[in-house]
Amino acid sequence: MAKTKSGKKKVHVPEHVRTDKNGKKTKVREHYRSTPE
């Protein structure tokens, strides 16, 4: 995993569809998310 300067890990999130609390489907584009460690 590639580490950033701040020591956070970059997590790859593939494209997916998620449902929010209203039952609406939201398409989430492929992106990178940093998780605190």
PDB file of N, CA and C in Angstrom:
ATOM      1  N   MET A   1       0.842  -1.195   0.000  1.00  0.00           N
ATOM      2  CA  MET A   1       0.000   0.000   0.000  1.00  0.00           C
ATOM      3  C   MET A   1       0.880   1.250   0.000  1.00  0.00           C
ATOM      4  N   ALA A   2       0.486   2.186  -0.792  1.00  0.00           N
ATOM      5  CA  ALA A   2       1.239   3.443  -0.841  1.00  0.00           C
ATOM      6  C   ALA A   2       0.915   4.276   0.387  1.00  0.00           C
ATOM      7  N   LYS A   3       1.954   4.728   1.026  1.00  0.00           N
ATOM      8  CA  LYS A   3       1.761   5.561   2.223  1.00  0.00           C
ATOM      9  C   LYS A   3       1.962   7.022   1.859  1.00  0.00           C
ATOM     10  N   THR A   4       1.125   7.870   2.424  1.00  0.00           N
ATOM     11  CA  THR A   4       1.293   9.305   2.204  1.00  0.00           C
ATOM     12  C   THR A   4       2.216   9.860   3.273  1.00  0.00           C
ATOM     13  N   LYS A   5       2.595  11.109   3.134  1.00  0.00           N
ATOM     14  CA  LYS A   5       3.532  11.719   4.089  1.00  0.00           C
ATOM     15  C   LYS A   5       2.987  11.716   5.502  1.00  0.00           C
ATOM     16  N   SER A   6       1.658  11.862   5.607  1.00  0.00           N
ATOM     17  CA  SER A   6       1.054  11.958   6.938  1.00  0.00           C
ATOM     18  C   SER A   6       0.885  10.588   7.593  1.00  0.00           C
ATOM     19  N   GLY A   7       1.310   9.533   6.903  1.00  0.00           N
ATOM     20  CA  GLY A   7       1.230   8.203   7.480  1.00  0.00           C
ATOM     21  C   GLY A   7      -0.124   7.550   7.308  1.00  0.00           C
ATOM     22  N   LYS A   8      -0.975   8.139   6.474  1.00  0.00           N
ATOM     23  CA  LYS A   8      -2.282   7.530   6.229  1.00  0.00           C
ATOM     24  C   LYS A   8      -2.172   6.572   5.048  1.00  0.00           C
ATOM     25  N   LYS A   9      -2.980   5.536   5.081  1.00  0.00           N
ATOM     26  CA  LYS A   9      -2.968   4.575   3.996  1.00  0.00           C
ATOM     27  C   LYS A   9      -4.028   4.952   2.978  1.00  0.00           C
ATOM     28  N   LYS A  10      -3.673   4.811   1.695  1.00  0.00           N
ATOM     29  CA  LYS A  10      -4.640   5.060   0.635  1.00  0.00           C
ATOM     30  C   LYS A  10      -5.341   3.744   0.321  1.00  0.00           C
ATOM     31  N   VAL A  11      -6.648   3.770   0.363  1.00  0.00           N
ATOM     32  CA  VAL A  11      -7.421   2.566   0.086  1.00  0.00           C
ATOM     33  C   VAL A  11      -8.151   2.769  -1.227  1.00  0.00           C
ATOM     34  N   HIS A  12      -8.013   1.810  -2.117  1.00  0.00           N
ATOM     35  CA  HIS A  12      -8.691   1.900  -3.406  1.00  0.00           C
ATOM     36  C   HIS A  12     -10.115   1.417  -3.265  1.00  0.00           C
ATOM     37  N   VAL A  13     -11.068   2.256  -3.680  1.00  0.00           N
ATOM     38  CA  VAL A  13     -12.482   1.889  -3.617  1.00  0.00           C
ATOM     39  C   VAL A  13     -12.977   1.740  -5.047  1.00  0.00           C
ATOM     40  N   PRO A  14     -13.322   0.522  -5.466  1.00  0.00           N
ATOM     41  CA  PRO A  14     -13.817   0.327  -6.829  1.00  0.00           C
ATOM     42  C   PRO A  14     -15.201   0.931  -7.002  1.00  0.00           C
ATOM     43  N   GLU A  15     -15.604   1.076  -8.260  1.00  0.00           N
ATOM     44  CA  GLU A  15     -16.924   1.627  -8.551  1.00  0.00           C
ATOM     45  C   GLU A  15     -17.998   0.689  -8.031  1.00  0.00           C
ATOM     46  N   HIS A  16     -18.960   1.245  -7.324  1.00  0.00           N
ATOM     47  CA  HIS A  16     -20.031   0.418  -6.782  1.00  0.00           C
ATOM     48  C   HIS A  16     -21.290   1.251  -6.611  1.00  0.00           C
ATOM     49  N   VAL A  17     -22.388   0.572  -6.311  1.00  0.00           N
ATOM     50  CA  VAL A  17     -23.655   1.258  -6.081  1.00  0.00           C
ATOM     51  C   VAL A  17     -24.024   1.081  -4.628  1.00  0.00           C
ATOM     52  N   ARG A  18     -24.293   2.183  -3.945  1.00  0.00           N
ATOM     53  CA  ARG A  18     -24.696   2.051  -2.561  1.00  0.00           C
ATOM     54  C   ARG A  18     -26.044   2.701  -2.351  1.00  0.00           C
ATOM     55  N   THR A  19     -26.769   2.197  -1.379  1.00  0.00           N
ATOM     56  CA  THR A  19     -28.108   2.690  -1.096  1.00  0.00           C
ATOM     57  C   THR A  19     -28.060   3.551   0.155  1.00  0.00           C
ATOM     58  N   ASP A  20     -28.603   4.757   0.048  1.00  0.00           N
ATOM     59  CA  ASP A  20     -28.599   5.626   1.222  1.00  0.00           C
ATOM     60  C   ASP A  20     -29.833   5.369   2.073  1.00  0.00           C
ATOM     61  N   LYS A  21     -29.974   6.158   3.142  1.00  0.00           N
ATOM     62  CA  LYS A  21     -31.045   5.880   4.106  1.00  0.00           C
ATOM     63  C   LYS A  21     -32.439   6.080   3.529  1.00  0.00           C
ATOM     64  N   ASN A  22     -32.543   6.813   2.417  1.00  0.00           N
ATOM     65  CA  ASN A  22     -33.847   7.008   1.794  1.00  0.00           C
ATOM     66  C   ASN A  22     -34.168   5.917   0.775  1.00  0.00           C
ATOM     67  N   GLY A  23     -33.262   4.941   0.657  1.00  0.00           N
ATOM     68  CA  GLY A  23     -33.484   3.869  -0.300  1.00  0.00           C
ATOM     69  C   GLY A  23     -33.094   4.274  -1.715  1.00  0.00           C
ATOM     70  N   LYS A  24     -32.451   5.428  -1.848  1.00  0.00           N
ATOM     71  CA  LYS A  24     -32.016   5.896  -3.155  1.00  0.00           C
ATOM     72  C   LYS A  24     -30.680   5.264  -3.489  1.00  0.00           C
ATOM     73  N   LYS A  25     -30.553   4.785  -4.731  1.00  0.00           N
ATOM     74  CA  LYS A  25     -29.298   4.157  -5.134  1.00  0.00           C
ATOM     75  C   LYS A  25     -28.358   5.214  -5.678  1.00  0.00           C
ATOM     76  N   THR A  26     -27.154   5.198  -5.158  1.00  0.00           N
ATOM     77  CA  THR A  26     -26.153   6.169  -5.581  1.00  0.00           C
ATOM     78  C   THR A  26     -24.979   5.422  -6.183  1.00  0.00           C
ATOM     79  N   LYS A  27     -24.591   5.820  -7.385  1.00  0.00           N
ATOM     80  CA  LYS A  27     -23.433   5.194  -8.012  1.00  0.00           C
ATOM     81  C   LYS A  27     -22.188   5.908  -7.514  1.00  0.00           C
ATOM     82  N   VAL A  28     -21.271   5.136  -6.960  1.00  0.00           N
ATOM     83  CA  VAL A  28     -20.039   5.710  -6.434  1.00  0.00           C
ATOM     84  C   VAL A  28     -18.929   5.403  -7.422  1.00  0.00           C
ATOM     85  N   ARG A  29     -18.290   6.444  -7.930  1.00  0.00           N
ATOM     86  CA  ARG A  29     -17.204   6.236  -8.871  1.00  0.00           C
ATOM     87  C   ARG A  29     -15.992   5.682  -8.149  1.00  0.00           C
ATOM     88  N   GLU A  30     -15.138   5.025  -8.942  1.00  0.00           N
ATOM     89  CA  GLU A  30     -13.894   4.484  -8.409  1.00  0.00           C
ATOM     90  C   GLU A  30     -13.048   5.629  -7.864  1.00  0.00           C
ATOM     91  N   HIS A  31     -12.540   5.485  -6.652  1.00  0.00           N
ATOM     92  CA  HIS A  31     -11.747   6.553  -6.057  1.00  0.00           C
ATOM     93  C   HIS A  31     -10.810   5.985  -5.002  1.00  0.00           C
ATOM     94  N   TYR A  32     -10.002   6.863  -4.454  1.00  0.00           N
ATOM     95  CA  TYR A  32      -9.085   6.478  -3.385  1.00  0.00           C
ATOM     96  C   TYR A  32      -9.487   7.203  -2.122  1.00  0.00           C
ATOM     97  N   ARG A  33      -9.424   6.505  -1.012  1.00  0.00           N
ATOM     98  CA  ARG A  33      -9.815   7.071   0.263  1.00  0.00           C
ATOM     99  C   ARG A  33      -8.666   6.849   1.233  1.00  0.00           C
ATOM    100  N   SER A  34      -8.375   7.852   2.029  1.00  0.00           N
ATOM    101  CA  SER A  34      -7.317   7.642   3.017  1.00  0.00           C
ATOM    102  C   SER A  34      -7.940   7.264   4.344  1.00  0.00           C
ATOM    103  N   THR A  35      -7.386   6.244   4.967  1.00  0.00           N
ATOM    104  CA  THR A  35      -7.893   5.806   6.258  1.00  0.00           C
ATOM    105  C   THR A  35      -6.892   6.181   7.323  1.00  0.00           C
ATOM    106  N   PRO A  36      -7.349   6.725   8.426  1.00  0.00           N
ATOM    107  CA  PRO A  36      -6.426   7.052   9.511  1.00  0.00           C
ATOM    108  C   PRO A  36      -5.851   5.788  10.132  1.00  0.00           C
ATOM    109  N   GLU A  37      -4.591   5.834  10.512  1.00  0.00           N
ATOM    110  CA  GLU A  37      -3.971   4.662  11.157  1.00  0.00           C
ATOM    111  C   GLU A  37      -3.342   5.060  12.459  1.00  0.00           C
TER     112      GLU A  37
END
